[in-house]
Amino acid sequence: MARIRHIAIATKDVEGTKRFYIEGLGLKEVGQTNSGLADGVYLSDGHVNIAILNFKDDKVATTEGAPRHTGIHHLGFGVDNMEQAQHQIIAAGATAHLVEEVASANQRRSNNVEVKFTGPDGVTVDLSEAGWMGTED
């Protein structure tokens, strides 16, 4: 079975976007790139690599258009404490995307309850204590 191990986010502000994912979600910087195609950093939670890239060439940067009906739409992060995680991500610069009821610690995992925020570059970030169908702790 294939496993998700890499997600790329295009940005004009590598440092600001990097800071958001490190401060807001606790990811770690694991590498950098400076090529003819893009400047950027690689972040990880130990399981998935997120590339934060500032593309130097329009041809390489071309992907989906807006609105984003295809391509990466949002990222989901499992958290241990929803209240603490919400404070942390807002302190890092996120804005609440939707007001939703937060899952209790004993809620069934199949409910996929999540709280959405907008981070840098308009990327939607979901936080969930309950997780998503088919995921493991």
Protein backbone atom coordinates (compact mmCIF):
# COMPACT_ATOMS: atom_id res chain seq x y z
CA MET A 1 0.00 0.00 0.00
CA ALA A 2 1.24 3.52 -0.78
CA ARG A 3 1.68 5.90 2.18
CA ILE A 4 1.45 9.70 2.17
CA ARG A 5 4.97 10.94 2.83
CA HIS A 6 5.25 14.30 1.01
CA ILE A 7 3.13 17.41 0.45
CA ALA A 8 4.35 20.58 -1.31
CA ILE A 9 3.08 24.08 -0.61
CA ALA A 10 4.00 26.95 -2.93
CA THR A 11 4.59 30.33 -1.29
CA LYS A 12 6.16 33.72 -1.91
CA ASP A 13 7.20 33.89 1.79
CA VAL A 14 9.20 30.77 2.69
CA GLU A 15 10.30 32.08 6.10
CA GLY A 16 6.82 33.19 7.17
CA THR A 17 5.19 29.97 6.00
CA LYS A 18 7.93 27.89 7.64
CA ARG A 19 7.48 29.78 10.91
CA PHE A 20 3.71 29.17 10.83
CA TYR A 21 4.04 25.37 10.49
CA ILE A 22 6.84 25.18 13.08
CA GLU A 23 5.24 27.47 15.67
CA GLY A 24 1.62 26.61 14.95
CA LEU A 25 1.90 22.85 14.54
CA GLY A 26 5.26 21.85 15.98
CA LEU A 27 6.85 20.58 12.76
CA LYS A 28 10.65 20.42 12.56
CA GLU A 29 12.89 21.77 9.82
CA VAL A 30 14.72 18.83 8.26
CA GLY A 31 16.31 20.36 5.17
CA GLN A 32 16.62 23.20 2.70
CA THR A 33 16.73 23.58 -1.06
CA ASN A 34 18.13 26.27 -3.31
CA SER A 35 17.98 25.10 -6.90
CA GLY A 36 17.34 26.62 -10.27
CA LEU A 37 13.68 25.67 -9.79
CA ALA A 38 12.89 26.81 -6.25
CA ASP A 39 14.14 28.01 -2.89
CA GLY A 40 12.60 26.41 0.14
CA VAL A 41 12.65 24.28 3.25
CA TYR A 42 11.52 20.79 4.18
CA LEU A 43 9.55 20.27 7.38
CA SER A 44 8.42 17.03 8.98
CA ASP A 45 6.43 15.55 11.85
CA GLY A 46 8.55 12.40 11.59
CA HIS A 47 6.10 10.70 9.23
CA VAL A 48 5.27 13.20 6.46
CA ASN A 49 7.57 15.67 4.68
CA ILE A 50 6.14 19.09 3.77
CA ALA A 51 8.07 21.12 1.22
CA ILE A 52 7.60 24.90 1.49
CA LEU A 53 8.71 26.20 -1.92
CA ASN A 54 9.13 29.55 -3.65
CA PHE A 55 9.24 28.62 -7.33
CA LYS A 56 11.57 30.64 -9.56
CA ASP A 57 9.92 29.74 -12.86
CA ASP A 58 6.28 30.01 -13.94
CA LYS A 59 6.47 26.71 -15.82
CA VAL A 60 7.56 24.78 -12.71
CA ALA A 61 5.04 26.64 -10.51
CA THR A 62 2.05 25.76 -12.71
CA THR A 63 -0.50 23.50 -11.03
CA GLU A 64 -4.19 23.99 -10.31
CA GLY A 65 -5.96 27.35 -10.58
CA ALA A 66 -8.30 29.05 -8.15
CA PRO A 67 -10.77 28.16 -6.91
CA ARG A 68 -9.10 24.91 -5.95
CA HIS A 69 -11.50 22.20 -6.99
CA THR A 70 -8.58 19.89 -7.75
CA GLY A 71 -5.12 19.54 -6.25
CA ILE A 72 -4.21 20.16 -2.62
CA HIS A 73 -7.16 21.72 -0.83
CA HIS A 74 -6.24 21.37 2.85
CA LEU A 75 -3.93 19.60 5.30
CA GLY A 76 -5.13 17.67 8.35
CA PHE A 77 -3.13 17.37 11.57
CA GLY A 78 -3.99 15.10 14.49
CA VAL A 79 -3.63 16.77 17.90
CA ASP A 80 -3.71 15.46 21.46
CA ASN A 81 -5.36 18.53 23.03
CA MET A 82 -7.71 20.55 20.81
CA GLU A 83 -7.93 23.60 23.07
CA GLN A 84 -4.14 23.89 23.36
CA ALA A 85 -3.66 23.26 19.63
CA GLN A 86 -6.17 25.96 18.71
CA HIS A 87 -4.41 28.53 20.90
CA GLN A 88 -1.05 27.55 19.42
CA ILE A 89 -2.10 27.78 15.77
CA ILE A 90 -3.91 31.10 16.27
CA ALA A 91 -0.84 32.52 18.08
CA ALA A 92 1.19 31.54 14.99
CA GLY A 93 -1.09 33.65 12.76
CA ALA A 94 -3.96 31.37 11.69
CA THR A 95 -7.53 32.55 11.51
CA ALA A 96 -10.53 30.40 12.32
CA HIS A 97 -12.06 29.12 9.08
CA LEU A 98 -15.28 27.58 10.37
CA VAL A 99 -16.79 27.43 13.82
CA GLU A 100 -17.44 23.76 14.57
CA GLU A 101 -18.12 21.63 17.61
CA VAL A 102 -14.93 20.05 18.91
CA ALA A 103 -14.81 16.28 19.38
CA SER A 104 -14.54 14.93 22.90
CA ALA A 105 -11.63 12.63 23.66
CA ASN A 106 -13.86 9.54 23.61
CA GLN A 107 -15.75 10.39 20.41
CA ARG A 108 -15.71 7.71 17.70
CA ARG A 109 -12.87 8.10 15.19
CA SER A 110 -15.24 7.60 12.26
CA ASN A 111 -16.89 10.96 12.89
CA ASN A 112 -13.95 12.86 11.39
CA VAL A 113 -14.64 15.93 13.56
CA GLU A 114 -12.17 18.67 12.73
CA VAL A 115 -11.67 22.39 13.29
CA LYS A 116 -10.50 24.42 10.29
CA PHE A 117 -8.10 27.35 10.13
CA THR A 118 -6.60 29.40 7.31
CA GLY A 119 -2.83 29.67 7.35
CA PRO A 120 -0.30 31.35 5.07
CA ASP A 121 -1.02 31.45 1.35
CA GLY A 122 -4.71 30.62 1.97
CA VAL A 123 -4.00 26.96 2.81
CA THR A 124 -6.71 25.45 5.01
CA VAL A 125 -5.41 23.44 7.98
CA ASP A 126 -7.67 21.00 9.85
CA LEU A 127 -7.03 19.99 13.46
CA SER A 128 -8.64 16.87 14.92
CA GLU A 129 -8.44 15.01 18.23
CA ALA A 130 -10.54 12.14 16.82
CA GLY A 131 -8.53 11.58 13.64
CA TRP A 132 -9.86 10.46 10.30
CA MET A 133 -11.25 7.18 9.03
CA GLY A 134 -8.46 4.74 8.27
CA THR A 135 -5.78 6.55 10.26
CA GLU A 136 -3.95 5.19 13.24
CA ASP A 137 -2.59 7.03 16.26
